[in-house]
Amino acid sequence: MKRTTSRGIVSVLAGAAMVSGLVAAPSAAAATPTVKPGSAASAAKPVKPTAPAGSAALSAPPDDQAKARAVALATRTLAGGSALIERSSDDRFGTPRAVFGAGGVQFLSFPRTHRGLPVYGGDVNFMISRDGGTLHYATSAQRAEIDVDVTPRVDAARAAEAARTVAGPGSTVRSTRLVVHATGATPRTAWEVVAQGRTRDGVKTEPHVFVDAGSGEVVESWDAVRHGVGHAYFNGDPVRIDTTAGETGYSLRDPLRPGIECSAVGKTFDGTDDDWGNGAATDLETACVDTLFGVQREWDMLREWTGRNGIDGQGRGFPAIVGFNMPNATWSGSDVNMGRNVSGTKQTTSLDVVGHEYGHGVFQFSGSGGAGGSGWTAAMNESTGDILGAMLEHYVGHPEALDEPDYLVGEEMDLFGTGAIRNMYNPAQIDNHPNCFTTTAPDAHPGAGPQNHWFYLLAEGSLPTNGNPASPTCDGSRVTGIGIQKAGRIFVNALQLKTASWSPGAARLATVHAAYALFPNSCVEMNAVKAAWSAVGVPTQPGELIVECWPDTFDLSLSPAQGTVVAGQSSARTVVQTRSLQGPPAQVALSSAGVPDGVTVSIAPEQVTAGAAAQVTITTRPDVRPGVYRFQVIGRAGPLTKGVPFDLTVTTLPKILITVDPHTVVLDKELKGSATLLSGPSGGTPIPLRLSASGTPAGLTVGFTPAEITSGQSSAIAIAATRSTPPGTYQVTLTASGPVTATAALTVQVPEPRPQVWRPYTRYQVGDRVTYGGHVYRCLRTHVSQPGWTPPRTPALWARV
């Protein structure tokens, strides 16, 4: 079934304590309706605009024009005064943080200030199409318009004291700043106090405490250090990791992924060779090998499966430190800290633990709100780590002897002698963690259960047929999975819509809209997202996107799906093949979309019966810049629209340089001379060239041997004049012609010819010179001399010089 319709719905998601918005039409500058909870309009009904055509294939970031269009679209939306954004006249929005997801979808997060103060929870996140023309979705954690007195009645020192009561004894205050706290029902001016401390076990903490600047009351607090547990199951021997070579040796620093490196507590690892670790479970250098292997594969997995660029989404990663004396692993907000299991027999550096901890970094640097938040936000953060760990295991695909792909967390380390610490397909099997969503948020680690359960159902389904275990559903339904790659792509891209107050309801809306944007020609993925959320007790949300599906009657493909042209010179050709999937063969209208300026796509015929093919010819103007351009070949049959991408590489012909040696040729007494033409290499495929000369006077000839060469070859030049050629210096142009043309200048000097002695029975041409009786004569008429026709006696034939 294929989705062809959608309704542009905007609503306030009260249950998730956030604001969400959808503008379905390409022109998002137009006013959008506002739907309040409980109104009749909140029951969404489908309408039938044309579904966007495209492909879910991952691609490079959008071009600069598309980026500018997206920023302009979001800026117009922010300036439109929509109640969804809860903007007051004293609000200002800063420069957006841009991240690009799968399929080139653009995510923009705009920070907000109110009367000069940063607004915690006020950021507005937009999901915009690759071309910058369609606003798919928008989120913000702010629930009400701000109108507060920004002058604090409680000073920073008093706020710090209040924060220390939360941070615990021995904690120190690292920073304080005055903000507007806007994630609650009523915005208020507050001090954000960041402290540092340690638990009784010595584990590092970094509490963020929000203190009401009017009353001194603690409004909210959460710890930026995210604690996890794992195992030290190694990744095999040997494994390949990317390290840095220096002048004196090697170091455990990734040369390809900025910010990724590994050290131990109080120790860095350097070596004269590039051979690291000994494979022992307690060896710290080996722990770094496992850590680097895991995070480097996670970086690659994020790029290849989800389109994300690095841990922070903008091409940056973070260091890891191993060897902490704690039965745990943590994310500090700026690095990963790895400990050991309870018995001290293994380091916590296995794939799922490394993936989990760096998954906290992915959560922190997605959307807005950072790593902060308590309640369900903290639980969703913890679940994100578990999901990224499971995705990493499946991406690497270790055999059973190592840490094979599964949906268990920490099962190999056996931290407390009881096996895995979390179970994603049935969370309740471990310490009765919740399988299903409840209105009361549990603690962070058990609270990961509902979203973990949702992800498993989305990826594998409730009754997998691939050997994975069955998963119970909270509503007794049966869910069909779409595979972990698609599930991971939807989940990671939906994180870009995260706000400071995140919840399962908000995540349901974000993932539904992400599936809509990433798979615009299929209902399967979005319906699976919805079914999996319903199966864990997260119901349809107010304002949720509803689509109408049509039978999947045809498919199309391109062969080849890429081609190369020389700008203005050659053309590329491909064949679009259609295929009938069900019912009578449909009539498919063929066209193109997203064709760059200067490129022409011709399709013949423009309509076929499903099962037939058409020829596609691509040409370009000479001024098209070199590069790789992607456009779509579109097929439409009734309301069903599909697109397949074609990647066009545009090149220009290289410049060819020809030279002549020597540059000047003086003809000899026989009026002959020679030179050599040299052609430079083209830098690629040799180019055929045809040689010629121009600008020669009468009687002067220039010949080439050979007359046709390829770039990089040479040719011998033969120059000859006749006695009729006027003496003098001539500039001759040598030309090498082919797909490209090059010229060189040759100077030819024709000397005065030496006069011959006049003889009878000799043919003389006009201009020939002879001597007779000690004088020089010039021939005036062509003739054959006869005895007695000496120059002095035949003035009609000869003139004395």
Foldseek 3Di string as FASTA:
>chain_A
DWFFWWDFFFEQFVLLLKGKGFDADLALLDDDDYDYPPDPPLPDDIDGDGFDFDALAFDDAADPQQVVLQVVSVVSVVPVPDVSLLEDPQKDWDAWDWFAKGQNWIKTWIWMAGVRATEAQNIKIWTAARSSRGTGMIITLANHHDDEDQDFPADPVLLVVLVCVVVDPPKAWDDKDWHWYGNDNYIAIWIWTWIWDADPQRHIWIKTWTAGRHPRHTDDMDTLKAWFAAWFFADDPPDDFAWDADPQFIFQAHPQQAAEGEAAVVGGDTDRYPDWDDPFFLDQRRLRVLLRVQQVLLQVLCCNLMVAQHLLSPRHDHYEYEDDDDRIWIARLHYIYWYHAPVSRGIRRHNLSSQLRSLLSLLQNAAEQGSDDFFQSLQCSNLSSLLSSLSSQVSVQGDPVTPHRASFGRQVHCRPVPGTQAGLQERCVHPHQAQADDSGGDGNHSSNRPVSNLLCCQAAWQPHPPPHDHHAFPVRDTAHYDHSSLSVNLQSNLSNNDTSRGHLLSSLQSSLSSCCNSPVTRPNNNVRSQVSNVRRPRHDTRRRMDTDGDDPFKDKDKVVQEDEDEAQPDKDKIKIAMATDDDFFFKKFKDKPQDDPFKDWDWPPRIDTGGDMIMIMIHGHNPDDFDKGKIWIWIDGPSRIHTDIHIYGYHHFADKEKEKPPQEWEADLQQKTKIKIFIAARVDPWFKWAKDKDFDDPFKDKDWVVRIDTGGDMIMIIIGGDLPDDFDKTWMWMWIDGSDIYIYIHIYGYHNHDADADDAQAWDDAQHWHDDPRFIKGFHHTDGGHPPVDCVVPVVGIDTD
